[in-house]
């Protein structure tokens, strides 16, 4: 995904993660911090064999609290499809990029 309004720091609390920022891959473990500036395509995956935990910090903050409230509302007929989430996210300045795109 790409955040067009915020910079993001991801701090690894537990576990091991692989981060992909644009075309650069990196591994990170507990105590590592990864910085992603706004406008950069990025993703991450827990590559460890245990549960991982991240602390995400965005600046300016506050926008995603509203996004999470909106997408976290119970769906009348199950989990909303990806296109519903993508449309909601776009309203908060997040571009969801399909895998392999």
Protein backbone atom coordinates (compact mmCIF):
# COMPACT_ATOMS: atom_id res chain seq x y z
CA UNK A 1 0.00 0.00 0.00
CA UNK A 2 0.97 3.65 -0.31
CA UNK A 3 0.15 6.38 2.16
CA UNK A 4 -0.05 9.69 0.37
CA UNK A 5 -0.46 11.85 3.47
CA UNK A 6 1.72 10.34 6.21
CA UNK A 7 5.23 9.17 6.92
CA UNK A 8 5.35 5.91 8.84
CA UNK A 9 7.77 4.31 11.31
CA UNK A 10 7.42 0.62 12.08
CA UNK A 11 9.14 -0.56 15.27
CA UNK A 12 9.53 -4.31 15.74
CA UNK A 13 8.53 -5.28 19.27
CA UNK A 14 8.58 -9.07 18.82
CA UNK A 15 9.31 -11.52 16.04
CA UNK A 16 11.00 -11.17 12.67
CA UNK A 17 9.62 -9.31 9.68
CA UNK A 18 10.52 -8.81 6.05
CA UNK A 19 9.81 -5.31 4.76
CA UNK A 20 9.58 -4.31 1.12
CA UNK A 21 9.86 -0.58 0.42
CA UNK A 22 9.62 0.13 -3.30
CA UNK A 23 12.16 -2.46 -4.60
CA UNK A 24 14.27 -2.76 -1.43
CA UNK A 25 13.82 -5.79 0.85
CA UNK A 26 15.08 -5.86 4.42
CA UNK A 27 14.81 -8.15 7.43
CA UNK A 28 14.19 -6.72 10.87
CA UNK A 29 13.96 -8.16 14.36
CA UNK A 30 13.14 -6.86 17.84
CA UNK A 31 14.42 -3.33 18.42
CA UNK A 32 14.60 -2.49 14.70
CA UNK A 33 12.86 0.54 13.26
CA UNK A 34 11.93 0.94 9.62
CA UNK A 35 11.02 4.36 8.18
CA UNK A 36 8.71 4.75 5.17
CA UNK A 37 8.21 8.23 3.74
CA UNK A 38 4.83 9.17 2.29
CA UNK A 39 4.34 8.19 -1.32
CA UNK A 40 6.45 5.01 -1.06
CA UNK A 41 4.93 1.63 -1.94
CA UNK A 42 5.53 -0.73 0.98
CA UNK A 43 4.44 -3.91 2.66
CA UNK A 44 5.64 -6.25 5.38
CA UNK A 45 5.28 -9.88 6.40
CA UNK A 46 5.94 -11.79 9.59
CA UNK A 47 8.70 -14.20 8.54
CA UNK A 48 9.42 -15.59 11.99
CA UNK A 49 8.07 -18.79 13.45
CA UNK A 50 6.29 -16.99 16.30
CA UNK A 51 3.70 -14.26 16.58
CA UNK A 52 5.19 -10.87 15.73
CA UNK A 53 4.21 -7.45 17.05
CA UNK A 54 4.83 -4.05 15.49
CA UNK A 55 4.33 -0.54 16.79
CA UNK A 56 3.28 1.74 13.93
CA UNK A 57 3.76 5.48 14.23
CA UNK A 58 2.44 7.85 11.57
CA UNK A 59 2.94 11.54 11.21
CA UNK A 60 0.78 13.50 10.99
CA UNK A 61 -1.29 11.16 13.13
CA UNK A 62 -4.97 10.56 13.65
CA UNK A 63 -6.19 9.80 10.15
CA UNK A 64 -6.09 6.01 10.45
CA UNK A 65 -8.07 6.00 13.67
CA UNK A 66 -11.02 7.09 11.51
CA UNK A 67 -10.18 4.56 8.78
CA UNK A 68 -10.05 1.71 11.30
CA UNK A 69 -13.34 2.80 12.85
CA UNK A 70 -15.00 2.85 9.44
CA UNK A 71 -13.69 -0.47 8.13
CA UNK A 72 -14.07 -2.09 11.54
CA UNK A 73 -17.84 -1.65 11.58
CA UNK A 74 -19.68 -4.98 11.46
CA UNK A 75 -20.70 -5.90 7.95
CA UNK A 76 -24.34 -6.83 7.44
CA UNK A 77 -23.40 -9.93 5.43
CA UNK A 78 -19.91 -10.97 6.54
CA UNK A 79 -16.50 -9.51 5.81
CA UNK A 80 -16.48 -6.68 3.23
CA UNK A 81 -14.74 -7.52 -0.03
CA UNK A 82 -11.35 -6.06 -0.95
CA UNK A 83 -12.86 -3.47 -3.30
CA UNK A 84 -14.95 -2.07 -0.43
CA UNK A 85 -11.84 -1.68 1.73
CA UNK A 86 -9.89 -0.19 -1.19
CA UNK A 87 -12.58 2.43 -1.75
CA UNK A 88 -12.76 3.37 1.92
CA UNK A 89 -8.96 3.52 2.21
CA UNK A 90 -8.73 5.85 -0.79
CA UNK A 91 -10.84 8.36 1.11
CA UNK A 92 -8.11 8.46 3.75
CA UNK A 93 -5.23 8.90 1.30
CA UNK A 94 -4.19 5.24 1.18
CA UNK A 95 -3.71 3.48 -2.14
CA UNK A 96 -4.05 -0.29 -1.97
CA UNK A 97 -1.90 -1.91 -4.65
CA UNK A 98 -2.72 -5.52 -5.70
CA UNK A 99 0.02 -8.09 -5.20
CA UNK A 100 2.18 -8.46 -8.27
CA UNK A 101 1.18 -5.07 -9.67
